[in-house]
C-alpha cells in the first residue's frame, strides 16, 4: 500500500485507520477523515519528542474543544481552543489511543492550538497560535502568540515577541479640516457636520485610544498670526472630548464661515494642533490629517510645500473632494506624487457617507502597517504586532526537518510500527534540511 503524506511523520497516522478524526492527504489535493466523526483535525501537525528514554508523538488537533480525548470531540466550530496531545508511540496503532493534553493552559476559543508546533533538540516544545485575537480598540487583530514548554519544568512561558504584545501601540490622533467657504453653503455644511460625526463614530474616542480634532478654515489675514486667525479656527482640539455625545454636540455648534478657501494655510494650522497634543512626540501614536473641500484653494501656490511639510513630520494626509474640487490639488494634499492614493471624491455632499468605511480602513491600515518614507523601508511603531506570527515553526528538531508540505512516499505494506519508524528515519536522513524562511534578515524562528 503506497500512501502520499504531506509531512514525513504523518504516515504514522495511517497505521490507525479505525481511530476517529485522523486526517490523511489522499494524494488528490484533499483530506480524508478516517473514522465516524469529522472533529478535531487530530493529526494536523505531528512531531516526535524524546522524554527520557521514551519517544512520544506530539499531535496537533486545532479544531478540538477542551477535552482529554480529542478524537471523540465532534465540532466544526471555528472558535475551538485547539489542543496538542502527547501520545505514546507503542500503542499508537491501537484503536483507542491514550493521549495527554500538553497545550498551553491559557487556551481560549479561537486560539486553535495545534496549527503550528515544533520540538527543539533539548526537547523544548514550541507552539504558536496565529489566530489568537488581541483586542485593542479601535481595532482587534491577530499578532500571533508563541509559547515554550520546558521539558524539565513542564511549564509554559511566552516567547520573546509575544512578551512585547500589548495594546499601547494603536493610538490615533486625527485632525479633520473642514472647508468653510461660501461655496459649501449652509445646507451642505450640515451634511459635512453629520459626516464628521459619523467618521468619529467609526472610531472609539471614549477610551482615549483615538483623539479627534476639528478645524474649520476659509480666509487668511496675512497680518494675523496663524493661531489667531478669525477664519482658520480650531473648533475642537485633540483630546478635548472623551465622550462621544459631547463631541457630537460640539460639532453641531460649528457655524459656517462663508468666506474664501485658504487650504495651504489650513494645513499649516493643523501642524500646530498636532504639536499641541501631549502625544505628539509619542512614537506609538499615529497621526492622520483629513481635509474636506469642494473647490479650488485660494493659496494653491503654497499647497505642495504645506502638504510635504505635514508628511515630513510623519503625518498621514488624506483628501476628500466634493463636486468641483480640483483633483490635482487633492493629489498634492494627499500624496504629492500625482496619483489618487488616499484621495476620495464624491459628486455631491449627500454621498459623503459612502466613503466612511473605506476611509476608516485606509487610516487603520496606515496605523497598523506603517508608511514608506523617502523610498526606503516600511516604518511602523508596531514592530510585527500584526504579523500573525507562528503559522510556520522551525527549530532544531530531534529528527531532521523536512520542508512543510514536501511529498514523500512510504511503503508500509507489512512490517510493524518500529520497523516503519526506522524506514522513515532512513528517508529523512537522505533529505536536506530546509528552513521555511528566506536567508537574509531573520527573526526568532521559535516565535
Foldseek 3Di string as FASTA:
>chain_A
DKFKAQFLPLVLLVLALAAAQAWGDRPPPGTDTRYDANAQNWSLDWAWFDQPNFIWIKTWRLRAADDQARRPGHDPDLFHLIWIWTWGLVCSSPRGTHTGTLDAPVGGGQQRKRLEWAAFPQRKIKIKRLRDWDDAFPDIFRLIWMWIAHSVPSHIDTDPVNVPFDNLQQAEEEEEEEELAQVCPQVLVVLVLVLVLVLPVSGQLQVPSYWYWYWYAFDDDPVDDLQPDPGTYTQGATPNDNDSVVVSVSSVPDDRPHHHAAPLSSLVVVVVRLVVDPCNPPQSYQAEYEYEDAEDHPPLVNLLVSQVVCVVSRYQYAYEYEAHYDPQSRCSNHPNPRDCVNYHYDHHSVCSVVCSVVNVVVVSCCSAFADDPPVHDGDYPCVSSRVSPRSYADHHHPQAGDPRSDIDMADPPDDDSVVSVVVSSVVSVVDDHDDPDDPDDDDPRSD
